[in-house]
Amino acid sequence: MSPHWLYLAAAIAAEVLATSALKAAQGFTQLWPSVIVVVGYGVAFYCLSHSLQVIPMGVAYAIWSGVGLVLIGIVGWLLYGQIPDAAACAGMALIAAGVLVINLFSGTGQH
């Protein structure tokens, strides 16, 4: 796997961590969750910028946002008891399908 794809994976992981901590930060009134938010988003954008040196911007952003959305939905369910309804699950499934279509069938993401 290319290092640029690893950077994209790290960007997604850091963004999911930061977004998960955002709720716990309670409007940036809680120190450690707030630190995780700021550092996590900084790492996410740093890694995303490195992935964009090779991966086309539209493809990288589609993957980042799509995978991130699904992972945040799972984190919200597991950590905060936010159970998605059928429409939310269907929407997340369609987004995940779109990411798969881009990766499997589009020549744009091939390097």
PDB file of N, CA and C in Angstrom:
ATOM      1  N   MET A   1       0.850  -1.181   0.000  1.00  0.00           N
ATOM      2  CA  MET A   1       0.000   0.000   0.000  1.00  0.00           C
ATOM      3  C   MET A   1       0.891   1.238   0.000  1.00  0.00           C
ATOM      4  N   SER A   2       0.550   2.181  -0.849  1.00  0.00           N
ATOM      5  CA  SER A   2       1.304   3.432  -0.981  1.00  0.00           C
ATOM      6  C   SER A   2       1.241   4.242   0.316  1.00  0.00           C
ATOM      7  N   PRO A   3       2.333   4.949   0.637  1.00  0.00           N
ATOM      8  CA  PRO A   3       2.302   5.784   1.845  1.00  0.00           C
ATOM      9  C   PRO A   3       1.207   6.847   1.785  1.00  0.00           C
ATOM     10  N   HIS A   4       0.828   7.257   0.590  1.00  0.00           N
ATOM     11  CA  HIS A   4      -0.211   8.282   0.485  1.00  0.00           C
ATOM     12  C   HIS A   4      -1.566   7.750   0.931  1.00  0.00           C
ATOM     13  N   TRP A   5      -1.820   6.472   0.680  1.00  0.00           N
ATOM     14  CA  TRP A   5      -3.054   5.858   1.160  1.00  0.00           C
ATOM     15  C   TRP A   5      -2.989   5.662   2.672  1.00  0.00           C
ATOM     16  N   LEU A   6      -1.808   5.394   3.195  1.00  0.00           N
ATOM     17  CA  LEU A   6      -1.650   5.302   4.656  1.00  0.00           C
ATOM     18  C   LEU A   6      -1.882   6.662   5.307  1.00  0.00           C
ATOM     19  N   TYR A   7      -1.401   7.720   4.658  1.00  0.00           N
ATOM     20  CA  TYR A   7      -1.684   9.070   5.164  1.00  0.00           C
ATOM     21  C   TYR A   7      -3.183   9.336   5.173  1.00  0.00           C
ATOM     22  N   LEU A   8      -3.880   8.904   4.134  1.00  0.00           N
ATOM     23  CA  LEU A   8      -5.328   9.107   4.095  1.00  0.00           C
ATOM     24  C   LEU A   8      -6.008   8.323   5.215  1.00  0.00           C
ATOM     25  N   ALA A   9      -5.575   7.096   5.445  1.00  0.00           N
ATOM     26  CA  ALA A   9      -6.139   6.298   6.543  1.00  0.00           C
ATOM     27  C   ALA A   9      -5.880   6.963   7.891  1.00  0.00           C
ATOM     28  N   ALA A  10      -4.677   7.505   8.070  1.00  0.00           N
ATOM     29  CA  ALA A  10      -4.354   8.206   9.319  1.00  0.00           C
ATOM     30  C   ALA A  10      -5.196   9.468   9.463  1.00  0.00           C
ATOM     31  N   ALA A  11      -5.431  10.169   8.360  1.00  0.00           N
ATOM     32  CA  ALA A  11      -6.275  11.372   8.392  1.00  0.00           C
ATOM     33  C   ALA A  11      -7.685  11.012   8.834  1.00  0.00           C
ATOM     34  N   ILE A  12      -8.206   9.922   8.316  1.00  0.00           N
ATOM     35  CA  ILE A  12      -9.548   9.481   8.688  1.00  0.00           C
ATOM     36  C   ILE A  12      -9.598   9.117  10.167  1.00  0.00           C
ATOM     37  N   ALA A  13      -8.613   8.359  10.629  1.00  0.00           N
ATOM     38  CA  ALA A  13      -8.581   7.948  12.037  1.00  0.00           C
ATOM     39  C   ALA A  13      -8.484   9.154  12.961  1.00  0.00           C
ATOM     40  N   ALA A  14      -7.622  10.111  12.625  1.00  0.00           N
ATOM     41  CA  ALA A  14      -7.466  11.304  13.462  1.00  0.00           C
ATOM     42  C   ALA A  14      -8.736  12.144  13.469  1.00  0.00           C
ATOM     43  N   GLU A  15      -9.396  12.243  12.316  1.00  0.00           N
ATOM     44  CA  GLU A  15     -10.634  13.025  12.242  1.00  0.00           C
ATOM     45  C   GLU A  15     -11.743  12.362  13.053  1.00  0.00           C
ATOM     46  N   VAL A  16     -11.833  11.043  12.995  1.00  0.00           N
ATOM     47  CA  VAL A  16     -12.852  10.329  13.768  1.00  0.00           C
ATOM     48  C   VAL A  16     -12.582  10.499  15.267  1.00  0.00           C
ATOM     49  N   LEU A  17     -11.334  10.396  15.676  1.00  0.00           N
ATOM     50  CA  LEU A  17     -10.973  10.605  17.074  1.00  0.00           C
ATOM     51  C   LEU A  17     -11.333  12.020  17.517  1.00  0.00           C
ATOM     52  N   ALA A  18     -10.972  13.020  16.711  1.00  0.00           N
ATOM     53  CA  ALA A  18     -11.244  14.416  17.067  1.00  0.00           C
ATOM     54  C   ALA A  18     -12.740  14.689  17.130  1.00  0.00           C
ATOM     55  N   THR A  19     -13.478  14.195  16.165  1.00  0.00           N
ATOM     56  CA  THR A  19     -14.917  14.422  16.153  1.00  0.00           C
ATOM     57  C   THR A  19     -15.588  13.717  17.324  1.00  0.00           C
ATOM     58  N   SER A  20     -15.113  12.539  17.676  1.00  0.00           N
ATOM     59  CA  SER A  20     -15.650  11.822  18.829  1.00  0.00           C
ATOM     60  C   SER A  20     -15.409  12.593  20.119  1.00  0.00           C
ATOM     61  N   ALA A  21     -14.254  13.216  20.230  1.00  0.00           N
ATOM     62  CA  ALA A  21     -13.927  13.992  21.425  1.00  0.00           C
ATOM     63  C   ALA A  21     -14.666  15.325  21.458  1.00  0.00           C
ATOM     64  N   LEU A  22     -15.143  15.788  20.318  1.00  0.00           N
ATOM     65  CA  LEU A  22     -15.826  17.084  20.249  1.00  0.00           C
ATOM     66  C   LEU A  22     -17.054  17.112  21.153  1.00  0.00           C
ATOM     67  N   LYS A  23     -17.813  16.040  21.199  1.00  0.00           N
ATOM     68  CA  LYS A  23     -18.981  15.992  22.084  1.00  0.00           C
ATOM     69  C   LYS A  23     -18.545  16.043  23.544  1.00  0.00           C
ATOM     70  N   ALA A  24     -17.499  15.291  23.882  1.00  0.00           N
ATOM     71  CA  ALA A  24     -17.011  15.265  25.259  1.00  0.00           C
ATOM     72  C   ALA A  24     -16.385  16.594  25.679  1.00  0.00           C
ATOM     73  N   ALA A  25     -15.924  17.390  24.709  1.00  0.00           N
ATOM     74  CA  ALA A  25     -15.308  18.691  25.027  1.00  0.00           C
ATOM     75  C   ALA A  25     -16.333  19.693  25.557  1.00  0.00           C
ATOM     76  N   GLN A  26     -17.608  19.439  25.319  1.00  0.00           N
ATOM     77  CA  GLN A  26     -18.704  20.279  25.820  1.00  0.00           C
ATOM     78  C   GLN A  26     -18.456  21.760  25.559  1.00  0.00           C
ATOM     79  N   GLY A  27     -18.348  22.092  24.287  1.00  0.00           N
ATOM     80  CA  GLY A  27     -18.136  23.493  23.921  1.00  0.00           C
ATOM     81  C   GLY A  27     -16.768  24.011  24.334  1.00  0.00           C
ATOM     82  N   PHE A  28     -15.774  23.145  24.329  1.00  0.00           N
ATOM     83  CA  PHE A  28     -14.396  23.462  24.714  1.00  0.00           C
ATOM     84  C   PHE A  28     -14.284  23.912  26.173  1.00  0.00           C
ATOM     85  N   THR A  29     -15.158  23.370  27.027  1.00  0.00           N
ATOM     86  CA  THR A  29     -15.067  23.671  28.461  1.00  0.00           C
ATOM     87  C   THR A  29     -14.322  22.579  29.231  1.00  0.00           C
ATOM     88  N   GLN A  30     -14.054  21.450  28.566  1.00  0.00           N
ATOM     89  CA  GLN A  30     -13.323  20.345  29.185  1.00  0.00           C
ATOM     90  C   GLN A  30     -11.933  20.263  28.546  1.00  0.00           C
ATOM     91  N   LEU A  31     -10.895  20.381  29.366  1.00  0.00           N
ATOM     92  CA  LEU A  31      -9.532  20.533  28.855  1.00  0.00           C
ATOM     93  C   LEU A  31      -9.088  19.379  27.971  1.00  0.00           C
ATOM     94  N   TRP A  32      -9.045  18.150  28.475  1.00  0.00           N
ATOM     95  CA  TRP A  32      -8.425  17.062  27.720  1.00  0.00           C
ATOM     96  C   TRP A  32      -9.194  16.675  26.460  1.00  0.00           C
ATOM     97  N   PRO A  33     -10.511  16.606  26.528  1.00  0.00           N
ATOM     98  CA  PRO A  33     -11.211  16.366  25.253  1.00  0.00           C
ATOM     99  C   PRO A  33     -10.974  17.504  24.246  1.00  0.00           C
ATOM    100  N   SER A  34     -10.866  18.731  24.732  1.00  0.00           N
ATOM    101  CA  SER A  34     -10.595  19.865  23.836  1.00  0.00           C
ATOM    102  C   SER A  34      -9.215  19.751  23.202  1.00  0.00           C
ATOM    103  N   VAL A  35      -8.236  19.303  23.975  1.00  0.00           N
ATOM    104  CA  VAL A  35      -6.888  19.097  23.443  1.00  0.00           C
ATOM    105  C   VAL A  35      -6.916  18.010  22.361  1.00  0.00           C
ATOM    106  N   ILE A  36      -7.655  16.930  22.617  1.00  0.00           N
ATOM    107  CA  ILE A  36      -7.770  15.852  21.627  1.00  0.00           C
ATOM    108  C   ILE A  36      -8.396  16.378  20.343  1.00  0.00           C
ATOM    109  N   VAL A  37      -9.407  17.245  20.466  1.00  0.00           N
ATOM    110  CA  VAL A  37     -10.061  17.816  19.288  1.00  0.00           C
ATOM    111  C   VAL A  37      -9.064  18.617  18.460  1.00  0.00           C
ATOM    112  N   VAL A  38      -8.358  19.532  19.082  1.00  0.00           N
ATOM    113  CA  VAL A  38      -7.435  20.418  18.358  1.00  0.00           C
ATOM    114  C   VAL A  38      -6.286  19.624  17.745  1.00  0.00           C
ATOM    115  N   VAL A  39      -5.675  18.748  18.519  1.00  0.00           N
ATOM    116  CA  VAL A  39      -4.559  17.952  18.009  1.00  0.00           C
ATOM    117  C   VAL A  39      -5.046  16.981  16.928  1.00  0.00           C
ATOM    118  N   GLY A  40      -6.182  16.356  17.166  1.00  0.00           N
ATOM    119  CA  GLY A  40      -6.717  15.395  16.203  1.00  0.00           C
ATOM    120  C   GLY A  40      -7.011  16.021  14.851  1.00  0.00           C
ATOM    121  N   TYR A  41      -7.661  17.195  14.854  1.00  0.00           N
ATOM    122  CA  TYR A  41      -7.937  17.851  13.579  1.00  0.00           C
ATOM    123  C   TYR A  41      -6.650  18.340  12.917  1.00  0.00           C
ATOM    124  N   GLY A  42      -5.686  18.787  13.718  1.00  0.00           N
ATOM    125  CA  GLY A  42      -4.394  19.193  13.147  1.00  0.00           C
ATOM    126  C   GLY A  42      -3.712  18.031  12.450  1.00  0.00           C
ATOM    127  N   VAL A  43      -3.689  16.877  13.109  1.00  0.00           N
ATOM    128  CA  VAL A  43      -3.089  15.673  12.518  1.00  0.00           C
ATOM    129  C   VAL A  43      -3.866  15.251  11.275  1.00  0.00           C
ATOM    130  N   ALA A  44      -5.193  15.327  11.353  1.00  0.00           N
ATOM    131  CA  ALA A  44      -6.022  14.921  10.214  1.00  0.00           C
ATOM    132  C   ALA A  44      -5.705  15.757   8.973  1.00  0.00           C
ATOM    133  N   PHE A  45      -5.642  17.068   9.137  1.00  0.00           N
ATOM    134  CA  PHE A  45      -5.375  17.917   7.976  1.00  0.00           C
ATOM    135  C   PHE A  45      -3.932  17.789   7.495  1.00  0.00           C
ATOM    136  N   TYR A  46      -3.008  17.579   8.405  1.00  0.00           N
ATOM    137  CA  TYR A  46      -1.616  17.350   8.014  1.00  0.00           C
ATOM    138  C   TYR A  46      -1.521  16.096   7.150  1.00  0.00           C
ATOM    139  N   CYS A  47      -2.120  15.004   7.634  1.00  0.00           N
ATOM    140  CA  CYS A  47      -2.068  13.741   6.886  1.00  0.00           C
ATOM    141  C   CYS A  47      -2.838  13.844   5.574  1.00  0.00           C
ATOM    142  N   LEU A  48      -3.978  14.514   5.593  1.00  0.00           N
ATOM    143  CA  LEU A  48      -4.742  14.681   4.360  1.00  0.00           C
ATOM    144  C   LEU A  48      -3.931  15.446   3.326  1.00  0.00           C
ATOM    145  N   SER A  49      -3.207  16.476   3.766  1.00  0.00           N
ATOM    146  CA  SER A  49      -2.402  17.253   2.818  1.00  0.00           C
ATOM    147  C   SER A  49      -1.318  16.396   2.166  1.00  0.00           C
ATOM    148  N   HIS A  50      -0.756  15.464   2.912  1.00  0.00           N
ATOM    149  CA  HIS A  50       0.251  14.566   2.334  1.00  0.00           C
ATOM    150  C   HIS A  50      -0.375  13.573   1.356  1.00  0.00           C
ATOM    151  N   SER A  51      -1.569  13.104   1.677  1.00  0.00           N
ATOM    152  CA  SER A  51      -2.216  12.153   0.768  1.00  0.00           C
ATOM    153  C   SER A  51      -2.563  12.820  -0.557  1.00  0.00           C
ATOM    154  N   LEU A  52      -2.837  14.115  -0.529  1.00  0.00           N
ATOM    155  CA  LEU A  52      -3.229  14.834  -1.747  1.00  0.00           C
ATOM    156  C   LEU A  52      -2.070  15.056  -2.713  1.00  0.00           C
ATOM    157  N   GLN A  53      -0.866  14.723  -2.309  1.00  0.00           N
ATOM    158  CA  GLN A  53       0.262  14.831  -3.231  1.00  0.00           C
ATOM    159  C   GLN A  53       0.134  13.827  -4.370  1.00  0.00           C
ATOM    160  N   VAL A  54      -0.610  12.734  -4.145  1.00  0.00           N
ATOM    161  CA  VAL A  54      -0.770  11.697  -5.163  1.00  0.00           C
ATOM    162  C   VAL A  54      -2.241  11.397  -5.439  1.00  0.00           C
ATOM    163  N   ILE A  55      -3.038  11.274  -4.405  1.00  0.00           N
ATOM    164  CA  ILE A  55      -4.447  10.920  -4.570  1.00  0.00           C
ATOM    165  C   ILE A  55      -5.218  12.152  -5.031  1.00  0.00           C
ATOM    166  N   PRO A  56      -6.030  12.027  -6.074  1.00  0.00           N
ATOM    167  CA  PRO A  56      -6.818  13.176  -6.522  1.00  0.00           C
ATOM    168  C   PRO A  56      -7.709  13.715  -5.394  1.00  0.00           C
ATOM    169  N   MET A  57      -7.837  15.031  -5.341  1.00  0.00           N
ATOM    170  CA  MET A  57      -8.535  15.688  -4.247  1.00  0.00           C
ATOM    171  C   MET A  57      -9.977  15.185  -4.077  1.00  0.00           C
ATOM    172  N   GLY A  58     -10.730  15.083  -5.169  1.00  0.00           N
ATOM    173  CA  GLY A  58     -12.108  14.636  -5.072  1.00  0.00           C
ATOM    174  C   GLY A  58     -12.228  13.225  -4.533  1.00  0.00           C
ATOM    175  N   VAL A  59     -11.335  12.356  -4.960  1.00  0.00           N
ATOM    176  CA  VAL A  59     -11.336  10.965  -4.500  1.00  0.00           C
ATOM    177  C   VAL A  59     -10.969  10.907  -3.022  1.00  0.00           C
ATOM    178  N   ALA A  60      -9.905  11.601  -2.640  1.00  0.00           N
ATOM    179  CA  ALA A  60      -9.471  11.592  -1.243  1.00  0.00           C
ATOM    180  C   ALA A  60     -10.563  12.131  -0.333  1.00  0.00           C
ATOM    181  N   TYR A  61     -11.190  13.227  -0.740  1.00  0.00           N
ATOM    182  CA  TYR A  61     -12.224  13.821   0.108  1.00  0.00           C
ATOM    183  C   TYR A  61     -13.457  12.930   0.178  1.00  0.00           C
ATOM    184  N   ALA A  62     -13.823  12.295  -0.923  1.00  0.00           N
ATOM    185  CA  ALA A  62     -14.971  11.382  -0.902  1.00  0.00           C
ATOM    186  C   ALA A  62     -14.719  10.222   0.055  1.00  0.00           C
ATOM    187  N   ILE A  63     -13.522   9.676  -0.005  1.00  0.00           N
ATOM    188  CA  ILE A  63     -13.183   8.561   0.883  1.00  0.00           C
ATOM    189  C   ILE A  63     -13.123   9.030   2.328  1.00  0.00           C
ATOM    190  N   TRP A  64     -12.462  10.165   2.555  1.00  0.00           N
ATOM    191  CA  TRP A  64     -12.314  10.701   3.909  1.00  0.00           C
ATOM    192  C   TRP A  64     -13.676  10.984   4.528  1.00  0.00           C
ATOM    193  N   SER A  65     -14.509  11.682   3.810  1.00  0.00           N
ATOM    194  CA  SER A  65     -15.805  12.046   4.384  1.00  0.00           C
ATOM    195  C   SER A  65     -16.733  10.845   4.487  1.00  0.00           C
ATOM    196  N   GLY A  66     -16.724   9.966   3.483  1.00  0.00           N
ATOM    197  CA  GLY A  66     -17.609   8.807   3.512  1.00  0.00           C
ATOM    198  C   GLY A  66     -17.263   7.818   4.610  1.00  0.00           C
ATOM    199  N   VAL A  67     -16.002   7.429   4.671  1.00  0.00           N
ATOM    200  CA  VAL A  67     -15.568   6.486   5.702  1.00  0.00           C
ATOM    201  C   VAL A  67     -15.690   7.138   7.081  1.00  0.00           C
ATOM    202  N   GLY A  68     -15.318   8.404   7.160  1.00  0.00           N
ATOM    203  CA  GLY A  68     -15.433   9.122   8.436  1.00  0.00           C
ATOM    204  C   GLY A  68     -16.862   9.177   8.932  1.00  0.00           C
ATOM    205  N   LEU A  69     -17.809   9.434   8.035  1.00  0.00           N
ATOM    206  CA  LEU A  69     -19.214   9.514   8.424  1.00  0.00           C
ATOM    207  C   LEU A  69     -19.710   8.187   8.978  1.00  0.00           C
ATOM    208  N   VAL A  70     -19.376   7.103   8.301  1.00  0.00           N
ATOM    209  CA  VAL A  70     -19.805   5.792   8.766  1.00  0.00           C
ATOM    210  C   VAL A  70     -19.165   5.465  10.116  1.00  0.00           C
ATOM    211  N   LEU A  71     -17.881   5.740  10.251  1.00  0.00           N
ATOM    212  CA  LEU A  71     -17.202   5.466  11.534  1.00  0.00           C
ATOM    213  C   LEU A  71     -17.756   6.325  12.657  1.00  0.00           C
ATOM    214  N   ILE A  72     -18.053   7.588  12.386  1.00  0.00           N
ATOM    215  CA  ILE A  72     -18.631   8.457  13.415  1.00  0.00           C
ATOM    216  C   ILE A  72     -20.020   7.959  13.805  1.00  0.00           C
ATOM    217  N   GLY A  73     -20.774   7.457  12.837  1.00  0.00           N
ATOM    218  CA  GLY A  73     -22.074   6.867  13.168  1.00  0.00           C
ATOM    219  C   GLY A  73     -21.929   5.698  14.122  1.00  0.00           C
ATOM    220  N   ILE A  74     -20.913   4.868  13.882  1.00  0.00           N
ATOM    221  CA  ILE A  74     -20.661   3.720  14.759  1.00  0.00           C
ATOM    222  C   ILE A  74     -20.204   4.182  16.136  1.00  0.00           C
ATOM    223  N   VAL A  75     -19.298   5.161  16.187  1.00  0.00           N
ATOM    224  CA  VAL A  75     -18.809   5.685  17.463  1.00  0.00           C
ATOM    225  C   VAL A  75     -19.959   6.317  18.249  1.00  0.00           C
ATOM    226  N   GLY A  76     -20.802   7.089  17.568  1.00  0.00           N
ATOM    227  CA  GLY A  76     -21.947   7.702  18.249  1.00  0.00           C
ATOM    228  C   GLY A  76     -22.863   6.658  18.861  1.00  0.00           C
ATOM    229  N   TRP A  77     -23.033   5.559  18.160  1.00  0.00           N
ATOM    230  CA  TRP A  77     -23.869   4.473  18.654  1.00  0.00           C
ATOM    231  C   TRP A  77     -23.211   3.783  19.854  1.00  0.00           C
ATOM    232  N   LEU A  78     -21.911   3.451  19.730  1.00  0.00           N
ATOM    233  CA  LEU A  78     -21.234   2.692  20.784  1.00  0.00           C
ATOM    234  C   LEU A  78     -20.922   3.522  22.027  1.00  0.00           C
ATOM    235  N   LEU A  79     -20.466   4.768  21.834  1.00  0.00           N
ATOM    236  CA  LEU A  79     -20.045   5.578  22.975  1.00  0.00           C
ATOM    237  C   LEU A  79     -21.144   6.448  23.566  1.00  0.00           C
ATOM    238  N   TYR A  80     -22.065   6.897  22.714  1.00  0.00           N
ATOM    239  CA  TYR A  80     -23.054   7.871  23.187  1.00  0.00           C
ATOM    240  C   TYR A  80     -24.489   7.368  23.092  1.00  0.00           C
ATOM    241  N   GLY A  81     -24.679   6.113  22.697  1.00  0.00           N
ATOM    242  CA  GLY A  81     -26.015   5.553  22.632  1.00  0.00           C
ATOM    243  C   GLY A  81     -26.915   6.197  21.582  1.00  0.00           C
ATOM    244  N   GLN A  82     -26.319   6.796  20.557  1.00  0.00           N
ATOM    245  CA  GLN A  82     -27.077   7.453  19.497  1.00  0.00           C
ATOM    246  C   GLN A  82     -27.364   6.429  18.404  1.00  0.00           C
ATOM    247  N   ILE A  83     -28.476   5.745  18.536  1.00  0.00           N
ATOM    248  CA  ILE A  83     -28.811   4.658  17.622  1.00  0.00           C
ATOM    249  C   ILE A  83     -29.420   5.244  16.347  1.00  0.00           C
ATOM    250  N   PRO A  84     -28.774   5.009  15.202  1.00  0.00           N
ATOM    251  CA  PRO A  84     -29.318   5.545  13.949  1.00  0.00           C
ATOM    252  C   PRO A  84     -30.586   4.802  13.541  1.00  0.00           C
ATOM    253  N   ASP A  85     -31.533   5.542  12.969  1.00  0.00           N
ATOM    254  CA  ASP A  85     -32.751   4.892  12.479  1.00  0.00           C
ATOM    255  C   ASP A  85     -32.489   4.277  11.104  1.00  0.00           C
ATOM    256  N   ALA A  86     -33.522   3.671  10.540  1.00  0.00           N
ATOM    257  CA  ALA A  86     -33.367   2.962   9.259  1.00  0.00           C
ATOM    258  C   ALA A  86     -32.915   3.898   8.146  1.00  0.00           C
ATOM    259  N   ALA A  87     -33.463   5.115   8.110  1.00  0.00           N
ATOM    260  CA  ALA A  87     -33.086   6.064   7.060  1.00  0.00           C
ATOM    261  C   ALA A  87     -31.615   6.452   7.183  1.00  0.00           C
ATOM    262  N   ALA A  88     -31.132   6.658   8.405  1.00  0.00           N
ATOM    263  CA  ALA A  88     -29.718   7.001   8.610  1.00  0.00           C
ATOM    264  C   ALA A  88     -28.821   5.842   8.193  1.00  0.00           C
ATOM    265  N   CYS A  89     -29.214   4.630   8.537  1.00  0.00           N
ATOM    266  CA  CYS A  89     -28.432   3.450   8.134  1.00  0.00           C
ATOM    267  C   CYS A  89     -28.406   3.303   6.620  1.00  0.00           C
ATOM    268  N   ALA A  90     -29.558   3.519   5.983  1.00  0.00           N
ATOM    269  CA  ALA A  90     -29.618   3.429   4.522  1.00  0.00           C
ATOM    270  C   ALA A  90     -28.727   4.490   3.880  1.00  0.00           C
ATOM    271  N   GLY A  91     -28.769   5.709   4.408  1.00  0.00           N
ATOM    272  CA  GLY A  91     -27.929   6.777   3.880  1.00  0.00           C
ATOM    273  C   GLY A  91     -26.454   6.462   4.026  1.00  0.00           C
ATOM    274  N   MET A  92     -26.065   5.943   5.190  1.00  0.00           N
ATOM    275  CA  MET A  92     -24.658   5.573   5.396  1.00  0.00           C
ATOM    276  C   MET A  92     -24.249   4.443   4.463  1.00  0.00           C
ATOM    277  N   ALA A  93     -25.153   3.493   4.234  1.00  0.00           N
ATOM    278  CA  ALA A  93     -24.853   2.395   3.315  1.00  0.00           C
ATOM    279  C   ALA A  93     -24.660   2.917   1.892  1.00  0.00           C
ATOM    280  N   LEU A  94     -25.482   3.885   1.488  1.00  0.00           N
ATOM    281  CA  LEU A  94     -25.327   4.469   0.153  1.00  0.00           C
ATOM    282  C   LEU A  94     -24.005   5.225   0.025  1.00  0.00           C
ATOM    283  N   ILE A  95     -23.618   5.933   1.069  1.00  0.00           N
ATOM    284  CA  ILE A  95     -22.331   6.640   1.051  1.00  0.00           C
ATOM    285  C   ILE A  95     -21.183   5.641   0.959  1.00  0.00           C
ATOM    286  N   ALA A  96     -21.248   4.583   1.756  1.00  0.00           N
ATOM    287  CA  ALA A  96     -20.206   3.548   1.701  1.00  0.00           C
ATOM    288  C   ALA A  96     -20.163   2.912   0.308  1.00  0.00           C
ATOM    289  N   ALA A  97     -21.319   2.693  -0.294  1.00  0.00           N
ATOM    290  CA  ALA A  97     -21.364   2.134  -1.649  1.00  0.00           C
ATOM    291  C   ALA A  97     -20.720   3.091  -2.647  1.00  0.00           C
ATOM    292  N   GLY A  98     -20.953   4.376  -2.471  1.00  0.00           N
ATOM    293  CA  GLY A  98     -20.335   5.366  -3.349  1.00  0.00           C
ATOM    294  C   GLY A  98     -18.825   5.362  -3.249  1.00  0.00           C
ATOM    295  N   VAL A  99     -18.314   5.226  -2.040  1.00  0.00           N
ATOM    296  CA  VAL A  99     -16.861   5.143  -1.848  1.00  0.00           C
ATOM    297  C   VAL A  99     -16.316   3.902  -2.540  1.00  0.00           C
ATOM    298  N   LEU A 100     -17.022   2.787  -2.431  1.00  0.00           N
ATOM    299  CA  LEU A 100     -16.586   1.558  -3.104  1.00  0.00           C
ATOM    300  C   LEU A 100     -16.598   1.718  -4.622  1.00  0.00           C
ATOM    301  N   VAL A 101     -17.629   2.353  -5.150  1.00  0.00           N
ATOM    302  CA  VAL A 101     -17.705   2.565  -6.600  1.00  0.00           C
ATOM    303  C   VAL A 101     -16.512   3.396  -7.072  1.00  0.00           C
ATOM    304  N   ILE A 102     -16.201   4.458  -6.342  1.00  0.00           N
ATOM    305  CA  ILE A 102     -15.059   5.307  -6.712  1.00  0.00           C
ATOM    306  C   ILE A 102     -13.772   4.485  -6.721  1.00  0.00           C
ATOM    307  N   ASN A 103     -13.563   3.683  -5.700  1.00  0.00           N
ATOM    308  CA  ASN A 103     -12.315   2.927  -5.577  1.00  0.00           C
ATOM    309  C   ASN A 103     -12.228   1.750  -6.539  1.00  0.00           C
ATOM    310  N   LEU A 104     -13.340   1.091  -6.788  1.00  0.00           N
ATOM    311  CA  LEU A 104     -13.298  -0.116  -7.599  1.00  0.00           C
ATOM    312  C   LEU A 104     -13.463   0.137  -9.105  1.00  0.00           C
ATOM    313  N   PHE A 105     -14.229   1.158  -9.459  1.00  0.00           N
ATOM    314  CA  PHE A 105     -14.586   1.323 -10.864  1.00  0.00           C
ATOM    315  C   PHE A 105     -14.108   2.612 -11.510  1.00  0.00           C
ATOM    316  N   SER A 106     -13.694   3.594 -10.726  1.00  0.00           N
ATOM    317  CA  SER A 106     -13.258   4.853 -11.308  1.00  0.00           C
ATOM    318  C   SER A 106     -11.757   4.824 -11.551  1.00  0.00           C
ATOM    319  N   GLY A 107     -11.354   5.245 -12.717  1.00  0.00           N
ATOM    320  CA  GLY A 107      -9.926   5.368 -13.018  1.00  0.00           C
ATOM    321  C   GLY A 107      -9.290   6.547 -12.304  1.00  0.00           C
ATOM    322  N   THR A 108     -10.108   7.435 -11.769  1.00  0.00           N
ATOM    323  CA  THR A 108      -9.607   8.639 -11.095  1.00  0.00           C
ATOM    324  C   THR A 108      -8.750   8.310  -9.881  1.00  0.00           C
ATOM    325  N   GLY A 109      -9.147   7.286  -9.131  1.00  0.00           N
ATOM    326  CA  GLY A 109      -8.429   6.967  -7.906  1.00  0.00           C
ATOM    327  C   GLY A 109      -7.274   5.995  -8.062  1.00  0.00           C
ATOM    328  N   GLN A 110      -7.002   5.562  -9.276  1.00  0.00           N
ATOM    329  CA  GLN A 110      -5.968   4.555  -9.496  1.00  0.00           C
ATOM    330  C   GLN A 110      -4.596   5.209  -9.626  1.00  0.00           C
ATOM    331  N   HIS A 111      -3.650   4.745  -8.832  1.00  0.00           N
ATOM    332  CA  HIS A 111      -2.257   5.182  -8.928  1.00  0.00           C
ATOM    333  C   HIS A 111      -1.343   4.048  -8.613  1.00  0.00           C
TER     334      HIS A 111
END
